[in-house]
Structure formats: C-alpha cells, structure tokens
Amino acid sequence: MTGTQIIKQGRGILEAAGWVVRSMNYHKATPRGMRGFPDMIAFRGGVTLLLEIKGDGDRIRPDQEQFFNEVKPHTGMCLRYFLIHDVEQLEDVVQMRFV
C-alpha cells in the first residue's frame, strides 16, 4: 500500500473516531520551514498526534528524522509522534493500543 493510500484510509479511520485531522503530504514544493513535518496531524480531547506515514518502499528522509529527533524529547501523553507503515498500525493508535 502506498503512503497516500494509507493517509486516505487513515483520515477516514481517525475522523470516524472523532479526531480532527489535517494532512500535510502535498506533492507541491514544501516551504522551507515545513520540511520534515509529519504527513498528518490529528487532535482529540487534548491529545495531538503527529503521524509520519510510510508506504511500501518509503524511507525516512534526513529532514524527517531531524524533526523527530527535535520533537521526541517534548512528547508525552498529550503529544505523540508515530511512524506508521500500514493501516493496522494506525488503527492501533486510534484505539490507543500502543506503548
């Protein structure tokens, strides 16, 4: 499954569970300050999810890894960052089956 397909399905899954979702994966030029920003951001009940989506054959770019490394120390129960490789992982996040 491609990253775009995961994003499309994932948006539906998240919204059905009450999340407000914004996608950042545009195929246009990304403004310099936004490079590395996760593909999706979702909000619900005081929790914010940063979701980097990688489909079959996709790899983390250096700017995405840098973003993760800068944000990771500031995550917690209210701000979570996930690297998603398939719809099942996203469903686990929605159901809060992660640690």
N, C-alpha and C. Protein backbone atom coordinates (compact mmCIF):
# COMPACT_ATOMS: atom_id res chain seq x y z
N MET A 1 0.85 -1.18 0.00
CA MET A 1 0.00 0.00 0.00
C MET A 1 0.90 1.24 0.00
N THR A 2 0.53 2.25 -0.77
CA THR A 2 1.32 3.47 -0.82
C THR A 2 1.02 4.35 0.40
N GLY A 3 1.92 5.28 0.65
CA GLY A 3 1.70 6.21 1.74
C GLY A 3 0.44 7.02 1.54
N THR A 4 0.17 7.44 0.31
CA THR A 4 -1.03 8.21 0.02
C THR A 4 -2.29 7.40 0.31
N GLN A 5 -2.28 6.12 -0.02
CA GLN A 5 -3.43 5.25 0.28
C GLN A 5 -3.63 5.11 1.79
N ILE A 6 -2.53 4.96 2.52
CA ILE A 6 -2.62 4.86 3.98
C ILE A 6 -3.19 6.15 4.56
N ILE A 7 -2.75 7.29 4.04
CA ILE A 7 -3.24 8.58 4.51
C ILE A 7 -4.74 8.70 4.26
N LYS A 8 -5.19 8.34 3.06
CA LYS A 8 -6.61 8.45 2.74
C LYS A 8 -7.45 7.55 3.64
N GLN A 9 -7.04 6.30 3.81
CA GLN A 9 -7.79 5.39 4.70
C GLN A 9 -7.67 5.84 6.14
N GLY A 10 -6.47 6.25 6.52
CA GLY A 10 -6.23 6.67 7.89
C GLY A 10 -7.05 7.87 8.29
N ARG A 11 -7.19 8.81 7.37
CA ARG A 11 -8.02 10.00 7.64
C ARG A 11 -9.44 9.56 7.99
N GLY A 12 -9.99 8.65 7.22
CA GLY A 12 -11.34 8.16 7.49
C GLY A 12 -11.45 7.47 8.83
N ILE A 13 -10.46 6.66 9.16
CA ILE A 13 -10.44 5.94 10.44
C ILE A 13 -10.37 6.93 11.60
N LEU A 14 -9.47 7.90 11.50
CA LEU A 14 -9.31 8.90 12.55
C LEU A 14 -10.57 9.75 12.71
N GLU A 15 -11.11 10.23 11.60
CA GLU A 15 -12.30 11.08 11.68
C GLU A 15 -13.50 10.31 12.23
N ALA A 16 -13.64 9.05 11.86
CA ALA A 16 -14.74 8.23 12.39
C ALA A 16 -14.63 8.06 13.90
N ALA A 17 -13.40 8.13 14.42
CA ALA A 17 -13.17 8.00 15.86
C ALA A 17 -13.19 9.36 16.57
N GLY A 18 -13.56 10.42 15.85
CA GLY A 18 -13.72 11.73 16.47
C GLY A 18 -12.50 12.64 16.44
N TRP A 19 -11.45 12.24 15.72
CA TRP A 19 -10.26 13.07 15.60
C TRP A 19 -10.48 14.15 14.54
N VAL A 20 -9.91 15.32 14.75
CA VAL A 20 -9.83 16.37 13.74
C VAL A 20 -8.48 16.17 13.06
N VAL A 21 -8.49 16.01 11.74
CA VAL A 21 -7.29 15.60 11.02
C VAL A 21 -6.90 16.63 9.97
N ARG A 22 -5.62 16.90 9.89
CA ARG A 22 -5.06 17.72 8.82
C ARG A 22 -3.92 16.94 8.19
N SER A 23 -3.91 16.93 6.87
CA SER A 23 -2.84 16.24 6.13
C SER A 23 -1.82 17.25 5.66
N MET A 24 -0.58 16.87 5.74
CA MET A 24 0.50 17.75 5.31
C MET A 24 1.24 17.19 4.10
N ASN A 25 0.79 16.07 3.58
CA ASN A 25 1.57 15.45 2.50
C ASN A 25 1.07 15.96 1.16
N TYR A 26 1.61 17.07 0.77
CA TYR A 26 1.28 17.65 -0.53
C TYR A 26 2.41 17.34 -1.49
N HIS A 27 2.08 17.18 -2.74
CA HIS A 27 3.11 16.91 -3.74
C HIS A 27 3.59 18.20 -4.39
N LYS A 28 3.40 19.30 -3.70
CA LYS A 28 3.89 20.59 -4.16
C LYS A 28 5.17 20.89 -3.39
N ALA A 29 5.84 21.93 -3.78
CA ALA A 29 7.05 22.33 -3.06
C ALA A 29 6.69 22.64 -1.62
N THR A 30 7.45 22.10 -0.69
CA THR A 30 7.20 22.32 0.73
C THR A 30 7.96 23.56 1.17
N PRO A 31 7.30 24.49 1.86
CA PRO A 31 8.02 25.66 2.36
C PRO A 31 9.19 25.22 3.23
N ARG A 32 10.26 25.94 3.16
CA ARG A 32 11.49 25.56 3.86
C ARG A 32 11.26 25.24 5.33
N GLY A 33 10.48 26.03 6.02
CA GLY A 33 10.24 25.82 7.44
C GLY A 33 9.40 24.60 7.75
N MET A 34 8.77 24.00 6.76
CA MET A 34 7.89 22.85 6.98
C MET A 34 8.55 21.53 6.59
N ARG A 35 9.73 21.55 6.03
CA ARG A 35 10.37 20.31 5.62
C ARG A 35 10.57 19.41 6.83
N GLY A 36 10.19 18.15 6.67
CA GLY A 36 10.33 17.19 7.75
C GLY A 36 9.10 17.07 8.62
N PHE A 37 8.14 18.00 8.47
CA PHE A 37 6.93 17.94 9.28
C PHE A 37 6.15 16.68 8.92
N PRO A 38 5.55 16.00 9.90
CA PRO A 38 4.82 14.76 9.63
C PRO A 38 3.68 14.94 8.63
N ASP A 39 3.30 13.83 8.01
CA ASP A 39 2.27 13.84 6.98
C ASP A 39 0.89 14.21 7.49
N MET A 40 0.59 13.81 8.72
CA MET A 40 -0.73 14.08 9.28
C MET A 40 -0.59 14.56 10.71
N ILE A 41 -1.54 15.41 11.10
CA ILE A 41 -1.63 15.83 12.49
C ILE A 41 -3.10 15.68 12.88
N ALA A 42 -3.34 15.10 14.05
CA ALA A 42 -4.72 14.83 14.49
C ALA A 42 -4.89 15.30 15.92
N PHE A 43 -6.08 15.83 16.20
CA PHE A 43 -6.39 16.39 17.51
C PHE A 43 -7.68 15.78 18.06
N ARG A 44 -7.67 15.44 19.35
CA ARG A 44 -8.89 14.97 20.01
C ARG A 44 -8.67 14.98 21.52
N GLY A 45 -9.58 15.57 22.23
CA GLY A 45 -9.59 15.50 23.69
C GLY A 45 -8.29 15.88 24.36
N GLY A 46 -7.63 16.91 23.88
CA GLY A 46 -6.38 17.35 24.50
C GLY A 46 -5.15 16.57 24.07
N VAL A 47 -5.32 15.64 23.14
CA VAL A 47 -4.19 14.85 22.64
C VAL A 47 -3.92 15.26 21.19
N THR A 48 -2.66 15.40 20.85
CA THR A 48 -2.25 15.70 19.49
C THR A 48 -1.36 14.57 19.00
N LEU A 49 -1.68 14.05 17.81
CA LEU A 49 -0.89 13.00 17.18
C LEU A 49 -0.15 13.58 15.99
N LEU A 50 1.14 13.35 15.94
CA LEU A 50 1.95 13.66 14.77
C LEU A 50 2.22 12.32 14.10
N LEU A 51 1.78 12.17 12.86
CA LEU A 51 1.84 10.87 12.19
C LEU A 51 2.66 10.97 10.90
N GLU A 52 3.78 10.31 10.90
CA GLU A 52 4.60 10.19 9.69
C GLU A 52 4.20 8.89 9.02
N ILE A 53 3.75 8.96 7.77
CA ILE A 53 3.24 7.80 7.06
C ILE A 53 4.25 7.35 6.03
N LYS A 54 4.57 6.07 6.06
CA LYS A 54 5.49 5.48 5.09
C LYS A 54 4.86 4.23 4.49
N GLY A 55 4.61 4.28 3.19
CA GLY A 55 4.07 3.14 2.48
C GLY A 55 5.18 2.19 2.06
N ASP A 56 4.79 1.19 1.28
CA ASP A 56 5.74 0.20 0.80
C ASP A 56 6.91 0.87 0.09
N GLY A 57 8.11 0.58 0.53
CA GLY A 57 9.33 1.09 -0.10
C GLY A 57 9.72 2.50 0.30
N ASP A 58 8.90 3.19 1.09
CA ASP A 58 9.23 4.55 1.53
C ASP A 58 10.24 4.50 2.67
N ARG A 59 11.08 5.51 2.73
CA ARG A 59 12.07 5.63 3.80
C ARG A 59 12.00 7.02 4.41
N ILE A 60 12.45 7.10 5.64
CA ILE A 60 12.53 8.39 6.34
C ILE A 60 13.63 9.22 5.68
N ARG A 61 13.29 10.47 5.36
CA ARG A 61 14.28 11.40 4.82
C ARG A 61 15.05 12.03 5.99
N PRO A 62 16.25 12.53 5.71
CA PRO A 62 17.03 13.18 6.79
C PRO A 62 16.28 14.31 7.48
N ASP A 63 15.52 15.14 6.74
CA ASP A 63 14.79 16.23 7.38
C ASP A 63 13.67 15.71 8.28
N GLN A 64 13.08 14.55 7.93
CA GLN A 64 12.04 13.96 8.77
C GLN A 64 12.66 13.38 10.04
N GLU A 65 13.81 12.76 9.90
CA GLU A 65 14.50 12.22 11.07
C GLU A 65 14.92 13.34 12.01
N GLN A 66 15.39 14.45 11.45
CA GLN A 66 15.77 15.59 12.27
C GLN A 66 14.57 16.14 13.02
N PHE A 67 13.42 16.26 12.34
CA PHE A 67 12.21 16.73 13.01
C PHE A 67 11.87 15.82 14.18
N PHE A 68 11.86 14.51 13.95
CA PHE A 68 11.54 13.55 15.00
C PHE A 68 12.50 13.70 16.18
N ASN A 69 13.78 13.78 15.91
CA ASN A 69 14.77 13.88 16.98
C ASN A 69 14.62 15.18 17.79
N GLU A 70 14.18 16.25 17.13
CA GLU A 70 13.98 17.52 17.84
C GLU A 70 12.70 17.50 18.67
N VAL A 71 11.66 16.82 18.18
CA VAL A 71 10.37 16.81 18.86
C VAL A 71 10.27 15.74 19.93
N LYS A 72 10.93 14.61 19.74
CA LYS A 72 10.79 13.46 20.64
C LYS A 72 10.95 13.82 22.13
N PRO A 73 11.93 14.62 22.52
CA PRO A 73 12.07 14.93 23.95
C PRO A 73 10.88 15.69 24.53
N HIS A 74 10.04 16.26 23.66
CA HIS A 74 8.92 17.08 24.12
C HIS A 74 7.58 16.36 24.01
N THR A 75 7.60 15.08 23.63
CA THR A 75 6.35 14.33 23.54
C THR A 75 6.00 13.75 24.90
N GLY A 76 4.77 13.34 25.04
CA GLY A 76 4.29 12.76 26.29
C GLY A 76 2.91 12.21 26.06
N MET A 77 2.08 12.23 27.06
CA MET A 77 0.73 11.69 26.91
C MET A 77 -0.17 12.59 26.05
N CYS A 78 0.14 13.87 25.98
CA CYS A 78 -0.70 14.79 25.20
C CYS A 78 -0.18 15.04 23.80
N LEU A 79 1.07 14.79 23.56
CA LEU A 79 1.66 14.95 22.22
C LEU A 79 2.41 13.68 21.90
N ARG A 80 1.95 12.98 20.88
CA ARG A 80 2.55 11.70 20.50
C ARG A 80 2.99 11.75 19.05
N TYR A 81 4.12 11.11 18.76
CA TYR A 81 4.65 11.03 17.40
C TYR A 81 4.72 9.56 17.03
N PHE A 82 4.16 9.22 15.87
CA PHE A 82 4.17 7.83 15.42
C PHE A 82 4.63 7.73 13.98
N LEU A 83 5.41 6.72 13.72
CA LEU A 83 5.79 6.34 12.36
C LEU A 83 4.86 5.19 11.98
N ILE A 84 4.03 5.42 10.97
CA ILE A 84 3.00 4.47 10.57
C ILE A 84 3.38 3.83 9.24
N HIS A 85 3.38 2.49 9.20
CA HIS A 85 3.70 1.76 7.97
C HIS A 85 2.49 1.08 7.34
N ASP A 86 1.38 0.98 8.06
CA ASP A 86 0.19 0.35 7.50
C ASP A 86 -1.04 0.79 8.28
N VAL A 87 -2.19 0.50 7.71
CA VAL A 87 -3.46 0.92 8.30
C VAL A 87 -3.67 0.27 9.67
N GLU A 88 -3.20 -0.96 9.85
CA GLU A 88 -3.37 -1.65 11.13
C GLU A 88 -2.66 -0.90 12.25
N GLN A 89 -1.46 -0.38 11.98
CA GLN A 89 -0.76 0.41 12.99
C GLN A 89 -1.56 1.65 13.35
N LEU A 90 -2.15 2.28 12.35
CA LEU A 90 -2.94 3.47 12.60
C LEU A 90 -4.18 3.13 13.42
N GLU A 91 -4.80 1.99 13.14
CA GLU A 91 -5.94 1.56 13.95
C GLU A 91 -5.53 1.33 15.40
N ASP A 92 -4.34 0.77 15.62
CA ASP A 92 -3.85 0.59 16.99
C ASP A 92 -3.70 1.94 17.70
N VAL A 93 -3.20 2.94 17.00
CA VAL A 93 -3.05 4.28 17.57
C VAL A 93 -4.42 4.84 17.92
N VAL A 94 -5.37 4.71 17.02
CA VAL A 94 -6.73 5.22 17.26
C VAL A 94 -7.34 4.55 18.48
N GLN A 95 -7.11 3.27 18.64
CA GLN A 95 -7.65 2.53 19.78
C GLN A 95 -6.76 2.67 21.02
N MET A 96 -5.68 3.46 20.90
CA MET A 96 -4.72 3.68 21.98
C MET A 96 -4.07 2.38 22.45
N ARG A 97 -3.82 1.49 21.48
CA ARG A 97 -3.12 0.24 21.78
C ARG A 97 -1.65 0.39 21.42
N PHE A 98 -0.99 1.26 22.12
CA PHE A 98 0.43 1.48 21.90
C PHE A 98 1.10 1.73 23.23
N VAL A 99 2.38 1.56 23.25
CA VAL A 99 3.16 1.87 24.45
C VAL A 99 4.49 2.42 24.01
